Amino acid sequence: MPHRSDPLVSVVIPCHNYARYLPEAVSSVLAQTFHDWELVIVDDGSTDNTVEVTEDLIARHPDRSIRLLRQDNAGVSAARNTGIEACAGRYVLPLDADDVIAPTMLEKTVAVLDGDPGIAIASTDVFTFTDDDLPPQAMPLPAYSRELLLQRLIMFYCSLYRREAWQTVGGYDETMRAGEDWDFWIGCVEHGYDAHHIHEPLFGARNKDTGLHLEAAENDLAIRARIVANHPDLFKPITRGWAHAVLAQDADACLRDEHVPDDILTRAAEMDQFLAAVMALQRTTRVQYYHIRRLEKALAARGGIAGPSVPGEEHAPAAAPV
């Protein structure tokens, strides 16, 4: 059981072959304005130099509580559960190794949980960023609503929550390759836990062409079926029947529109529209940004002044050391 000398917050970072991103994630934790935290990094069977990078980070910051746990590759859910089981904080913040948090993330989310014992989860808006120098793009999310959460994922995985909620729910479902965070939040709803959303982009999600978020988008209906089966009391009998058919029979046939219950199909369509709008906005912003940079470079060349480099033409500057 935690005692008075234990940190208030435990940040848990699973890492599988993301050693190249890990220093940036750790730097964002080190930069927090709230200091009562520990950091648990779980090497999920990496074949790159994750262990060496983590050990170097620990050695370079002996004044901070940073620990390394190692396990055979078992997936992000199992890695999170391993880290949370070993941590001591009253509050938990999951953070993936390729993402970051804004400097006031812990300060502002801790204030929500400290200020209201009836709130178990504090979520925030998100900003997306890339590996080039494209400016981050803020993405607002709706206020928390139990009903809306059942329709679509309105909270990112990187939200601060009470450790007791994780214990009550039973942790993340280790059999789910994608959608495990949505399933976990719905498990919290099922057990009566409430949430509060901070309308400020304090979590940074790296926008790249690979990752579990793409797998989740491509398998949205199958993930919904799994969630329905995991939490049957929250859904209608016809929806529960469909979910069990998807999981027990020919999934491809059950996932055709004519076999999907109206409530699930409508919710999936709303999610598709939301994701399409977000991706279109990001593509438009990216094109405009590159066009502006090329114009700046051309104008600078006319004036005999070296202009800013165009992304992709030169190597990006190396990240600042942690």
Foldseek 3Di string as FASTA:
>chain_A
DADPLAFQEEEEEEDAQVLVQQQVAVVQVVLAPDQRYAYEYEDQQHPDCNVVSQVVVCVVCVVGHYYYHYDHHQADQVSVVVRLVPGRHQKYFYDYRNKHFHRHQCVVQVCVCVVDVLAFKEAEWAWEDEPAPQDIHTDWFDWDDLVVLLLDPRGDLGIMGGSVLCVVLVGFDSVDNAPRSSLSVNSSVLVPHHHGYHYDHGIYDYDDDDDRVVVCLVCVLLSSLVSCCVPVVVDDPLQVVLSVCCVPHVVVVSPPPVNHDPSNVVSNVVVVVVVVVVVVVVVVSVVVVLVVQVVQCVVCVVVVHHGDDRPPPDDHDDDDGD
